[in-house]
C-alpha cells in the first residue's frame, strides 16, 4: 500500500507565521533586557533624551524606537575627514574595557538624543585623526630641530 502525504500549505503557512511571531517577540524581549542592562550598568540615563525616552511607552514600542538616521549622519560615515576617496577598511585591535564602555555610553547617549555623529566608527575615525596629527607634528618638529 503506497500512501502519499499531502502537505497542507495553509497549515505550513500558519506554522511559519507563528514561528516568525515568536522570533519577533523573543527579539523584542531581548532588546528590552539589553536596554535595561545598559541602564543598570550606567550606560544610559533613565531620563528623557530629546523626546526619545522610553518612559511611558509600551514594552514593545520602546525597543523598536530608534533615532532616524539623517543625511548628515550618512554623509559623515561615507566621507572620512581626510579624503573623500579614502575607503573604509576593517581592522581589529584591543582597547581597555573602561575606554570601550565610555565609547559605548557616548554612542548610546548621542544616538538617543538624535545628535550626529553618533556611530562608534565616526568617533574612532576622529580620534585617530587627532592622534596621528599630534604625533606627526611632533615628528616634523623633531626632524626640523635636528
N, C-alpha and C. Protein backbone atom coordinates (compact mmCIF):
# COMPACT_ATOMS: atom_id res chain seq x y z
N UNK A 1 0.84 -1.16 0.00
CA UNK A 1 0.00 0.00 0.00
C UNK A 1 0.89 1.23 0.00
N UNK A 2 0.76 2.05 -0.99
CA UNK A 2 1.59 3.24 -1.16
C UNK A 2 0.79 4.47 -0.77
N UNK A 3 1.09 5.04 0.39
CA UNK A 3 0.35 6.23 0.82
C UNK A 3 1.26 7.45 0.71
N UNK A 4 0.74 8.46 0.09
CA UNK A 4 1.49 9.71 -0.05
C UNK A 4 0.93 10.73 0.93
N UNK A 5 1.83 11.49 1.52
CA UNK A 5 1.41 12.54 2.43
C UNK A 5 1.17 13.81 1.61
N UNK A 6 0.08 14.44 1.87
CA UNK A 6 -0.24 15.70 1.21
C UNK A 6 0.06 16.83 2.18
N UNK A 7 0.76 17.81 1.68
CA UNK A 7 1.06 18.97 2.51
C UNK A 7 -0.12 19.91 2.53
N UNK A 8 -0.45 20.35 3.69
CA UNK A 8 -1.49 21.36 3.84
C UNK A 8 -0.76 22.70 3.93
N UNK A 9 -0.70 23.42 2.80
CA UNK A 9 0.06 24.66 2.75
C UNK A 9 -0.50 25.72 3.69
N UNK A 10 -1.77 25.70 3.94
CA UNK A 10 -2.36 26.64 4.91
C UNK A 10 -1.80 26.39 6.29
N UNK A 11 -1.66 25.13 6.65
CA UNK A 11 -1.11 24.76 7.95
C UNK A 11 0.37 25.14 8.04
N UNK A 12 1.10 24.88 6.94
CA UNK A 12 2.53 25.23 6.91
C UNK A 12 2.70 26.74 7.03
N UNK A 13 1.90 27.51 6.30
CA UNK A 13 1.99 28.97 6.35
C UNK A 13 1.67 29.47 7.75
N UNK A 14 0.68 28.87 8.38
CA UNK A 14 0.31 29.26 9.74
C UNK A 14 1.45 28.95 10.71
N UNK A 15 2.09 27.79 10.55
CA UNK A 15 3.22 27.43 11.41
C UNK A 15 4.38 28.40 11.22
N UNK A 16 4.64 28.78 9.96
CA UNK A 16 5.73 29.73 9.68
C UNK A 16 5.41 31.08 10.30
N UNK A 17 4.19 31.55 10.14
CA UNK A 17 3.79 32.84 10.72
C UNK A 17 3.92 32.81 12.24
N UNK A 18 3.51 31.70 12.87
CA UNK A 18 3.64 31.58 14.32
C UNK A 18 5.10 31.59 14.73
N UNK A 19 5.95 30.90 13.99
CA UNK A 19 7.38 30.87 14.29
C UNK A 19 7.98 32.26 14.17
N UNK A 20 7.60 32.99 13.13
CA UNK A 20 8.11 34.35 12.95
C UNK A 20 7.64 35.25 14.08
N UNK A 21 6.36 35.16 14.44
CA UNK A 21 5.84 35.97 15.55
C UNK A 21 6.59 35.66 16.84
N UNK A 22 6.85 34.39 17.10
CA UNK A 22 7.60 34.00 18.30
C UNK A 22 9.01 34.59 18.28
N UNK A 23 9.66 34.55 17.12
CA UNK A 23 11.01 35.08 17.00
C UNK A 23 11.02 36.58 17.22
N UNK A 24 10.04 37.29 16.68
CA UNK A 24 9.95 38.74 16.87
C UNK A 24 9.73 39.06 18.34
N UNK A 25 8.85 38.32 18.98
CA UNK A 25 8.58 38.54 20.40
C UNK A 25 9.83 38.31 21.24
N UNK A 26 10.56 37.22 20.94
CA UNK A 26 11.81 36.95 21.67
C UNK A 26 12.83 38.04 21.42
N UNK A 27 12.91 38.52 20.18
CA UNK A 27 13.86 39.57 19.84
C UNK A 27 13.52 40.86 20.59
N UNK A 28 12.23 41.21 20.64
CA UNK A 28 11.82 42.41 21.37
C UNK A 28 12.14 42.29 22.85
N UNK A 29 11.89 41.12 23.41
CA UNK A 29 12.20 40.89 24.82
C UNK A 29 13.70 40.99 25.06
N UNK A 30 14.49 40.45 24.13
CA UNK A 30 15.94 40.52 24.25
C UNK A 30 16.41 41.97 24.20
N UNK A 31 15.87 42.75 23.27
CA UNK A 31 16.25 44.16 23.16
C UNK A 31 15.87 44.93 24.42
N UNK A 32 14.70 44.61 24.99
CA UNK A 32 14.28 45.27 26.21
C UNK A 32 15.24 44.94 27.35
N UNK A 33 15.61 43.66 27.49
CA UNK A 33 16.57 43.27 28.54
C UNK A 33 17.91 43.95 28.32
N UNK A 34 18.33 44.05 27.06
CA UNK A 34 19.61 44.69 26.75
C UNK A 34 19.58 46.17 27.13
N UNK A 35 18.48 46.86 26.84
CA UNK A 35 18.34 48.26 27.18
C UNK A 35 18.32 48.44 28.69
N UNK A 36 17.58 47.56 29.41
CA UNK A 36 17.54 47.64 30.87
C UNK A 36 18.91 47.39 31.48
N UNK A 37 19.67 46.44 30.93
CA UNK A 37 21.01 46.17 31.44
C UNK A 37 21.92 47.37 31.21
N UNK A 38 21.80 48.03 30.05
CA UNK A 38 22.61 49.22 29.77
C UNK A 38 22.28 50.32 30.77
N UNK A 39 20.99 50.46 31.12
CA UNK A 39 20.61 51.45 32.12
C UNK A 39 21.18 51.09 33.49
N UNK A 40 21.09 49.80 33.86
CA UNK A 40 21.62 49.34 35.14
C UNK A 40 23.13 49.54 35.22
N UNK A 41 23.82 49.31 34.12
CA UNK A 41 25.27 49.45 34.09
C UNK A 41 25.71 50.91 34.03
N UNK A 42 24.73 51.82 33.96
CA UNK A 42 25.07 53.24 33.91
C UNK A 42 25.45 53.70 32.52
N UNK A 43 25.16 52.91 31.50
CA UNK A 43 25.49 53.31 30.14
C UNK A 43 24.42 54.20 29.53
N UNK A 44 23.23 54.20 30.11
CA UNK A 44 22.13 55.02 29.64
C UNK A 44 21.52 55.75 30.81
N UNK A 45 20.99 56.92 30.54
CA UNK A 45 20.24 57.63 31.55
C UNK A 45 18.79 57.21 31.44
N UNK A 46 18.11 57.18 32.56
CA UNK A 46 16.70 56.80 32.56
C UNK A 46 15.81 57.94 32.11
N UNK A 47 16.32 59.16 32.16
CA UNK A 47 15.53 60.34 31.80
C UNK A 47 15.30 60.44 30.32
N UNK A 48 14.65 61.54 29.92
CA UNK A 48 14.32 61.70 28.51
C UNK A 48 15.55 62.14 27.74
N UNK A 49 15.59 61.75 26.49
CA UNK A 49 16.68 62.12 25.61
C UNK A 49 16.11 62.74 24.36
N UNK A 50 15.88 64.06 24.38
CA UNK A 50 15.35 64.80 23.25
C UNK A 50 14.03 64.21 22.75
N UNK A 51 13.18 63.84 23.72
CA UNK A 51 11.87 63.33 23.35
C UNK A 51 11.87 61.90 22.88
N UNK A 52 12.97 61.18 23.04
CA UNK A 52 13.03 59.81 22.57
C UNK A 52 13.08 58.84 23.74
N UNK A 53 12.59 59.24 24.88
CA UNK A 53 12.63 58.38 26.05
C UNK A 53 11.64 57.24 25.92
N UNK A 54 11.96 56.14 26.56
CA UNK A 54 11.03 55.01 26.56
C UNK A 54 10.03 55.14 27.71
N UNK A 55 10.14 56.20 28.53
CA UNK A 55 9.22 56.39 29.63
C UNK A 55 7.82 56.61 29.08
N UNK A 56 6.87 55.82 29.58
CA UNK A 56 5.50 55.96 29.13
C UNK A 56 5.20 55.15 27.88
N UNK A 57 6.19 54.59 27.24
CA UNK A 57 5.96 53.80 26.04
C UNK A 57 5.72 52.36 26.44
N UNK A 58 5.03 51.63 25.60
CA UNK A 58 4.81 50.22 25.89
C UNK A 58 6.12 49.47 25.70
N UNK A 59 6.17 48.26 26.26
CA UNK A 59 7.40 47.47 26.22
C UNK A 59 7.91 47.26 24.80
N UNK A 60 7.03 46.81 23.90
CA UNK A 60 7.44 46.56 22.52
C UNK A 60 7.78 47.85 21.79
N UNK A 61 7.03 48.91 22.11
CA UNK A 61 7.25 50.19 21.43
C UNK A 61 8.60 50.79 21.79
N UNK A 62 9.02 50.66 23.06
CA UNK A 62 10.29 51.24 23.50
C UNK A 62 11.47 50.60 22.81
N UNK A 63 11.40 49.29 22.56
CA UNK A 63 12.54 48.62 21.96
C UNK A 63 12.63 48.86 20.46
N UNK A 64 11.52 49.28 19.82
CA UNK A 64 11.55 49.48 18.38
C UNK A 64 11.93 50.89 17.98
N UNK A 65 11.84 51.86 18.89
CA UNK A 65 12.14 53.23 18.52
C UNK A 65 13.63 53.47 18.47
N UNK A 66 14.09 53.83 17.30
CA UNK A 66 15.48 54.20 17.11
C UNK A 66 15.49 55.54 16.43
N UNK A 67 16.48 56.39 16.74
CA UNK A 67 16.53 57.67 16.04
C UNK A 67 16.73 57.43 14.55
N UNK A 68 16.05 58.23 13.76
CA UNK A 68 16.22 58.10 12.32
C UNK A 68 17.56 58.67 11.92
N UNK A 69 18.21 57.98 11.03
CA UNK A 69 19.49 58.47 10.55
C UNK A 69 19.23 59.59 9.55
N UNK A 70 19.99 60.62 9.70
CA UNK A 70 19.81 61.76 8.80
C UNK A 70 20.82 61.70 7.68
N UNK A 71 20.62 62.53 6.67
CA UNK A 71 21.57 62.58 5.57
C UNK A 71 22.93 63.04 6.08
N UNK A 72 22.93 63.87 7.11
CA UNK A 72 24.20 64.33 7.69
C UNK A 72 24.97 63.16 8.27
N UNK A 73 24.28 62.27 8.98
CA UNK A 73 24.95 61.11 9.58
C UNK A 73 25.53 60.21 8.50
N UNK A 74 24.75 59.97 7.43
CA UNK A 74 25.25 59.12 6.36
C UNK A 74 26.44 59.76 5.68
N UNK A 75 26.37 61.05 5.46
CA UNK A 75 27.46 61.75 4.80
C UNK A 75 28.72 61.68 5.65
N UNK A 76 28.57 61.75 6.96
CA UNK A 76 29.72 61.68 7.85
C UNK A 76 30.40 60.32 7.74
N UNK A 77 29.59 59.25 7.69
CA UNK A 77 30.17 57.92 7.60
C UNK A 77 30.81 57.69 6.23
N UNK A 78 30.19 58.19 5.19
CA UNK A 78 30.67 57.89 3.85
C UNK A 78 31.87 58.73 3.44
N UNK A 79 32.06 59.88 4.06
CA UNK A 79 33.15 60.76 3.66
C UNK A 79 34.07 61.01 4.85
N UNK A 80 35.17 60.26 4.95
CA UNK A 80 36.12 60.49 6.03
C UNK A 80 36.66 61.90 5.97
N UNK A 81 37.12 62.40 7.11
CA UNK A 81 37.55 63.78 7.18
C UNK A 81 38.77 64.07 6.32
N UNK A 82 39.65 63.10 6.10
CA UNK A 82 40.88 63.36 5.35
C UNK A 82 40.63 63.49 3.85
N UNK A 83 40.10 62.45 3.21
CA UNK A 83 39.89 62.44 1.77
C UNK A 83 38.56 61.78 1.45
N UNK A 84 37.86 62.31 0.45
CA UNK A 84 36.58 61.72 0.06
C UNK A 84 36.79 60.37 -0.62
N UNK A 85 37.96 60.13 -1.21
CA UNK A 85 38.21 58.87 -1.92
C UNK A 85 38.87 57.82 -1.02
N UNK A 86 39.06 58.13 0.24
CA UNK A 86 39.69 57.22 1.19
C UNK A 86 38.68 56.17 1.62
N UNK A 87 38.84 54.89 1.24
CA UNK A 87 37.82 53.88 1.55
C UNK A 87 37.90 53.43 3.01
N UNK A 88 36.76 52.97 3.52
CA UNK A 88 36.72 52.38 4.85
C UNK A 88 37.25 50.96 4.77
N UNK A 89 38.03 50.54 5.75
CA UNK A 89 38.55 49.18 5.80
C UNK A 89 38.28 48.62 7.20
N UNK A 90 38.23 47.31 7.31
CA UNK A 90 38.05 46.66 8.60
C UNK A 90 39.40 46.43 9.24
N UNK A 91 39.47 46.67 10.53
CA UNK A 91 40.68 46.38 11.29
C UNK A 91 40.26 45.97 12.70
N UNK A 92 41.12 45.23 13.37
CA UNK A 92 40.81 44.77 14.71
C UNK A 92 41.95 45.13 15.64
N UNK A 93 41.60 45.62 16.82
CA UNK A 93 42.61 45.92 17.83
C UNK A 93 41.95 45.87 19.19
N UNK A 94 42.76 45.81 20.22
CA UNK A 94 42.24 45.73 21.58
C UNK A 94 42.30 47.11 22.23
N UNK A 95 41.29 47.39 23.06
CA UNK A 95 41.27 48.61 23.86
C UNK A 95 40.93 48.21 25.30
N UNK A 96 41.26 49.08 26.22
CA UNK A 96 40.93 48.81 27.62
C UNK A 96 39.41 48.85 27.78
N UNK A 97 38.92 48.01 28.67
CA UNK A 97 37.48 47.88 28.88
C UNK A 97 36.85 49.22 29.26
N UNK A 98 37.53 50.01 30.09
CA UNK A 98 36.95 51.29 30.51
C UNK A 98 36.74 52.22 29.31
N UNK A 99 37.66 52.19 28.34
CA UNK A 99 37.51 53.02 27.14
C UNK A 99 36.38 52.50 26.27
N UNK A 100 36.25 51.19 26.19
CA UNK A 100 35.16 50.58 25.41
C UNK A 100 33.82 50.99 26.00
N UNK A 101 33.70 50.96 27.32
CA UNK A 101 32.44 51.33 27.97
C UNK A 101 32.14 52.81 27.78
N UNK A 102 33.17 53.66 27.89
CA UNK A 102 32.95 55.10 27.67
C UNK A 102 32.52 55.37 26.23
N UNK A 103 33.12 54.68 25.28
CA UNK A 103 32.76 54.84 23.87
C UNK A 103 31.32 54.39 23.64
N UNK A 104 30.95 53.25 24.23
CA UNK A 104 29.59 52.74 24.06
C UNK A 104 28.57 53.69 24.68
N UNK A 105 28.89 54.21 25.86
CA UNK A 105 27.97 55.15 26.51
C UNK A 105 27.79 56.41 25.67
N UNK A 106 28.89 56.96 25.14
CA UNK A 106 28.82 58.14 24.29
C UNK A 106 27.96 57.86 23.07
N UNK A 107 28.20 56.71 22.44
CA UNK A 107 27.43 56.30 21.27
C UNK A 107 25.93 56.26 21.59
N UNK A 108 25.55 55.60 22.68
CA UNK A 108 24.14 55.46 23.02
C UNK A 108 23.50 56.80 23.39
N UNK A 109 24.21 57.61 24.17
CA UNK A 109 23.66 58.90 24.57
C UNK A 109 23.40 59.79 23.36
N UNK A 110 24.36 59.86 22.45
CA UNK A 110 24.20 60.72 21.27
C UNK A 110 23.13 60.16 20.32
N UNK A 111 23.06 58.84 20.21
CA UNK A 111 22.05 58.23 19.36
C UNK A 111 20.65 58.51 19.90
N UNK A 112 20.46 58.35 21.21
CA UNK A 112 19.15 58.60 21.81
C UNK A 112 18.77 60.07 21.74
N UNK A 113 19.76 60.96 21.81
CA UNK A 113 19.49 62.39 21.74
C UNK A 113 19.30 62.87 20.30
N UNK A 114 19.58 62.00 19.33
CA UNK A 114 19.43 62.36 17.92
C UNK A 114 20.55 63.25 17.42
N UNK A 115 21.72 63.19 18.07
CA UNK A 115 22.85 64.02 17.66
C UNK A 115 23.74 63.28 16.68
N UNK A 116 24.41 64.02 15.82
CA UNK A 116 25.38 63.41 14.91
C UNK A 116 26.73 64.06 15.15
N UNK A 117 27.83 63.37 14.98
CA UNK A 117 27.89 61.94 14.72
C UNK A 117 27.58 61.16 16.00
N UNK A 118 27.11 59.94 15.80
CA UNK A 118 26.85 59.08 16.96
C UNK A 118 27.41 57.68 16.78
N UNK A 119 27.98 57.35 15.63
CA UNK A 119 28.49 55.99 15.45
C UNK A 119 29.88 55.86 16.07
N UNK A 120 30.14 54.69 16.59
CA UNK A 120 31.45 54.42 17.17
C UNK A 120 32.53 54.58 16.11
N UNK A 121 32.21 54.18 14.89
CA UNK A 121 33.16 54.29 13.78
C UNK A 121 33.57 55.75 13.57
N UNK A 122 32.62 56.67 13.62
CA UNK A 122 32.94 58.09 13.45
C UNK A 122 33.81 58.60 14.60
N UNK A 123 33.50 58.17 15.82
CA UNK A 123 34.29 58.61 16.97
C UNK A 123 35.73 58.11 16.86
N UNK A 124 35.90 56.84 16.50
CA UNK A 124 37.24 56.27 16.38
C UNK A 124 38.00 56.95 15.25
N UNK A 125 37.34 57.21 14.12
CA UNK A 125 37.99 57.87 13.00
C UNK A 125 38.50 59.25 13.40
N UNK A 126 37.66 60.01 14.10
CA UNK A 126 38.05 61.35 14.54
C UNK A 126 39.20 61.29 15.55
N UNK A 127 39.14 60.32 16.46
CA UNK A 127 40.20 60.17 17.46
C UNK A 127 41.53 59.81 16.81
N UNK A 128 41.49 58.91 15.82
CA UNK A 128 42.72 58.52 15.14
C UNK A 128 43.31 59.70 14.37
N UNK A 129 42.44 60.49 13.71
CA UNK A 129 42.92 61.69 13.02
C UNK A 129 43.63 62.62 13.99
N UNK A 130 43.05 62.81 15.17
CA UNK A 130 43.63 63.70 16.17
C UNK A 130 45.00 63.19 16.62
N UNK A 131 45.08 61.91 16.97
CA UNK A 131 46.33 61.33 17.48
C UNK A 131 47.41 61.33 16.40
N UNK A 132 47.05 60.93 15.20
CA UNK A 132 48.04 60.93 14.11
C UNK A 132 48.55 62.34 13.84
N UNK A 133 47.66 63.31 13.81
CA UNK A 133 48.08 64.70 13.60
C UNK A 133 49.03 65.17 14.69
N UNK A 134 48.72 64.84 15.92
CA UNK A 134 49.54 65.24 17.07
C UNK A 134 50.96 64.67 16.95
N UNK A 135 51.07 63.37 16.68
CA UNK A 135 52.38 62.75 16.61
C UNK A 135 53.12 63.08 15.32
N UNK A 136 52.40 63.31 14.24
CA UNK A 136 53.07 63.72 13.00
C UNK A 136 53.67 65.12 13.17
N UNK A 137 52.96 66.03 13.83
CA UNK A 137 53.51 67.37 14.10
C UNK A 137 54.75 67.27 14.99
N UNK A 138 54.68 66.41 16.00
CA UNK A 138 55.83 66.25 16.90
C UNK A 138 57.03 65.68 16.14
N UNK A 139 56.80 64.73 15.24
CA UNK A 139 57.89 64.15 14.46
C UNK A 139 58.51 65.19 13.53
N UNK A 140 57.66 66.00 12.87
CA UNK A 140 58.19 67.03 11.98
C UNK A 140 59.00 68.06 12.74
N UNK A 141 58.53 68.42 13.93
CA UNK A 141 59.24 69.39 14.75
C UNK A 141 60.58 68.82 15.19
N UNK A 142 60.62 67.54 15.53
CA UNK A 142 61.86 66.91 15.95
C UNK A 142 62.84 66.83 14.79
N UNK A 143 62.35 66.47 13.60
CA UNK A 143 63.22 66.39 12.42
C UNK A 143 63.72 67.77 12.04
N UNK A 144 62.88 68.78 12.12
CA UNK A 144 63.29 70.15 11.79
C UNK A 144 64.31 70.68 12.80
N UNK A 145 64.21 70.23 14.04
CA UNK A 145 65.12 70.70 15.09
C UNK A 145 66.48 70.04 15.04
N UNK A 146 66.63 68.93 14.30
CA UNK A 146 67.91 68.21 14.26
C UNK A 146 68.87 68.80 13.29
